[in-house]
Amino acid sequence: MSKIAVVYWSGTGNTEEMAKQVAQGAKSAGAEITMFTASEFTIDMVDTYDSIAFGCPSMGDEVLEESEFQPMWDDIKPKLNGKKVALFGSYGWGDGEWMRNWEEECNVQGISLACDYVICNEIPDVNAAQSCKVLGQSII
């Protein structure tokens, strides 16, 4: 059984809802799921999981959340090579630049993404929720 971590930061609850859908998708495919907020997940936990889905909304000038998520991400990204990794998040304005930048950062770092990222504007609708479930299934 695959062990999957779903790690997220959410200010309004939108990305948290996406994380729940990712977890549900992975669980429906037979994985063992553990959800963490960004402040709970540490570099020492990375090796415990086969795959990790990361969720972070767009903040400020289309960047990752800077006080909890970005420091955690910067700390663990060197250990992600060889892991199945997926990205998701919500935004309230803009065009998804933060996610494209995050994906590019993964490519530059040699972090292999298991699937396309999932983004949604504000509260995840039915289509976004389904896309999150598919993302969860694809990281098994």
Protein backbone atom coordinates (compact mmCIF):
# COMPACT_ATOMS: atom_id res chain seq x y z
CA MET A 1 0.00 0.00 0.00
CA SER A 2 1.36 3.40 -0.99
CA LYS A 3 1.86 5.94 1.76
CA ILE A 4 0.84 9.42 0.63
CA ALA A 5 1.28 12.75 2.41
CA VAL A 6 -0.97 15.65 1.49
CA VAL A 7 0.74 18.83 2.70
CA TYR A 8 -1.02 22.18 2.39
CA TRP A 9 -1.41 25.74 3.61
CA SER A 10 -4.79 27.42 3.47
CA GLY A 11 -5.83 30.88 4.58
CA THR A 12 -9.48 30.83 3.52
CA GLY A 13 -10.20 27.10 3.48
CA ASN A 14 -10.23 26.79 -0.31
CA THR A 15 -6.89 25.00 -0.61
CA GLU A 16 -7.75 22.92 2.46
CA GLU A 17 -10.89 21.73 0.66
CA MET A 18 -8.75 20.85 -2.36
CA ALA A 19 -6.40 18.90 -0.06
CA LYS A 20 -9.34 16.89 1.28
CA GLN A 21 -10.37 16.01 -2.28
CA VAL A 22 -6.80 14.98 -3.17
CA ALA A 23 -6.71 12.76 -0.08
CA GLN A 24 -10.08 11.26 -0.95
CA GLY A 25 -8.90 10.43 -4.46
CA ALA A 26 -5.71 8.77 -3.23
CA LYS A 27 -7.61 6.84 -0.57
CA SER A 28 -10.13 5.60 -3.14
CA ALA A 29 -7.19 4.19 -5.12
CA GLY A 30 -6.02 2.22 -2.09
CA ALA A 31 -3.37 4.48 -0.58
CA GLU A 32 -2.73 5.20 3.09
CA ILE A 33 -3.17 8.97 3.50
CA THR A 34 -1.90 11.44 6.07
CA MET A 35 -2.73 15.13 5.83
CA PHE A 36 -0.43 17.81 7.21
CA THR A 37 -0.43 21.57 7.33
CA ALA A 38 2.82 23.13 6.11
CA SER A 39 3.83 23.94 9.69
CA GLU A 40 3.45 20.26 10.70
CA PHE A 41 5.50 18.71 7.88
CA THR A 42 9.28 18.49 8.27
CA ILE A 43 12.24 17.27 6.26
CA ASP A 44 12.50 14.23 8.54
CA MET A 45 9.08 13.05 7.33
CA VAL A 46 9.87 13.03 3.59
CA ASP A 47 11.38 9.54 3.52
CA THR A 48 8.32 8.11 5.27
CA TYR A 49 6.12 8.68 2.20
CA ASP A 50 6.11 7.24 -1.31
CA SER A 51 4.36 10.30 -2.74
CA ILE A 52 3.58 13.82 -1.59
CA ALA A 53 0.93 16.23 -2.86
CA PHE A 54 1.62 19.87 -2.01
CA GLY A 55 -1.10 22.52 -1.92
CA CYS A 56 -0.57 26.24 -1.58
CA PRO A 57 -2.68 29.18 -2.72
CA SER A 58 -1.43 32.17 -4.59
CA MET A 59 -0.42 34.94 -2.23
CA GLY A 60 0.39 38.62 -2.69
CA ASP A 61 2.25 39.05 -5.94
CA GLU A 62 1.44 35.50 -7.12
CA VAL A 63 3.89 33.72 -4.82
CA LEU A 64 3.68 30.79 -2.39
CA GLU A 65 2.64 31.62 1.18
CA GLU A 66 5.80 33.09 2.70
CA SER A 67 5.70 32.53 6.46
CA GLU A 68 4.97 28.77 6.71
CA PHE A 69 4.75 27.12 3.31
CA GLN A 70 7.76 28.64 1.53
CA PRO A 71 10.21 27.89 4.39
CA MET A 72 8.96 24.28 4.60
CA TRP A 73 9.18 23.92 0.80
CA ASP A 74 12.71 25.36 0.68
CA ASP A 75 13.79 22.96 3.42
CA ILE A 76 12.42 19.75 1.92
CA LYS A 77 12.72 20.22 -1.85
CA PRO A 78 16.30 18.81 -2.01
CA LYS A 79 14.91 15.49 -0.68
CA LEU A 80 12.10 15.19 -3.24
CA ASN A 81 14.09 13.66 -6.09
CA GLY A 82 12.74 10.18 -6.76
CA LYS A 83 9.41 10.89 -5.07
CA LYS A 84 6.08 11.17 -6.84
CA VAL A 85 5.11 14.80 -6.33
CA ALA A 86 1.96 16.72 -7.27
CA LEU A 87 0.98 20.39 -6.89
CA PHE A 88 -2.39 22.07 -6.33
CA GLY A 89 -3.78 25.35 -5.05
CA SER A 90 -6.38 28.08 -5.29
CA TYR A 91 -6.21 31.73 -6.22
CA GLY A 92 -8.42 34.79 -5.97
CA TRP A 93 -6.99 36.89 -8.76
CA GLY A 94 -4.31 36.68 -11.43
CA ASP A 95 -3.88 33.94 -13.97
CA GLY A 96 -2.03 31.14 -12.19
CA GLU A 97 1.47 32.55 -12.56
CA TRP A 98 2.46 31.32 -9.08
CA MET A 99 1.68 27.74 -10.06
CA ARG A 100 3.56 27.95 -13.37
CA ASN A 101 6.54 29.36 -11.46
CA TRP A 102 6.29 26.59 -8.86
CA GLU A 103 6.14 23.94 -11.58
CA GLU A 104 9.19 25.49 -13.29
CA GLU A 105 11.06 25.50 -9.98
CA CYS A 106 10.34 21.77 -9.65
CA ASN A 107 11.66 21.16 -13.16
CA VAL A 108 14.84 23.13 -12.46
CA GLN A 109 15.38 21.25 -9.17
CA GLY A 110 14.89 17.87 -10.89
CA ILE A 111 11.67 17.17 -9.00
CA SER A 112 9.53 14.94 -11.19
CA LEU A 113 5.84 15.82 -11.13
CA ALA A 114 3.52 12.83 -11.31
CA CYS A 115 0.77 14.74 -13.11
CA ASP A 116 -0.38 18.18 -14.19
CA TYR A 117 -1.06 20.63 -11.37
CA VAL A 118 -4.61 21.57 -10.38
CA ILE A 119 -5.66 25.16 -9.70
CA CYS A 120 -9.03 26.73 -9.11
CA ASN A 121 -10.37 30.22 -8.65
CA GLU A 122 -11.68 30.67 -5.09
CA ILE A 123 -13.88 27.83 -3.77
CA PRO A 124 -13.34 24.54 -5.63
CA ASP A 125 -16.34 23.79 -7.83
CA VAL A 126 -17.41 20.30 -8.91
CA ASN A 127 -14.86 20.22 -11.75
CA ALA A 128 -12.00 21.33 -9.51
CA ALA A 129 -12.97 18.80 -6.84
CA GLN A 130 -12.97 16.03 -9.45
CA SER A 131 -9.59 17.18 -10.78
CA CYS A 132 -8.20 17.05 -7.23
CA LYS A 133 -9.47 13.48 -6.80
CA VAL A 134 -7.81 12.49 -10.09
CA LEU A 135 -4.58 14.17 -8.91
CA GLY A 136 -4.75 12.08 -5.73
CA GLN A 137 -5.24 8.89 -7.73
CA SER A 138 -2.34 9.72 -10.04
CA ILE A 139 0.27 9.90 -7.26
CA ILE A 140 -0.29 6.32 -6.12
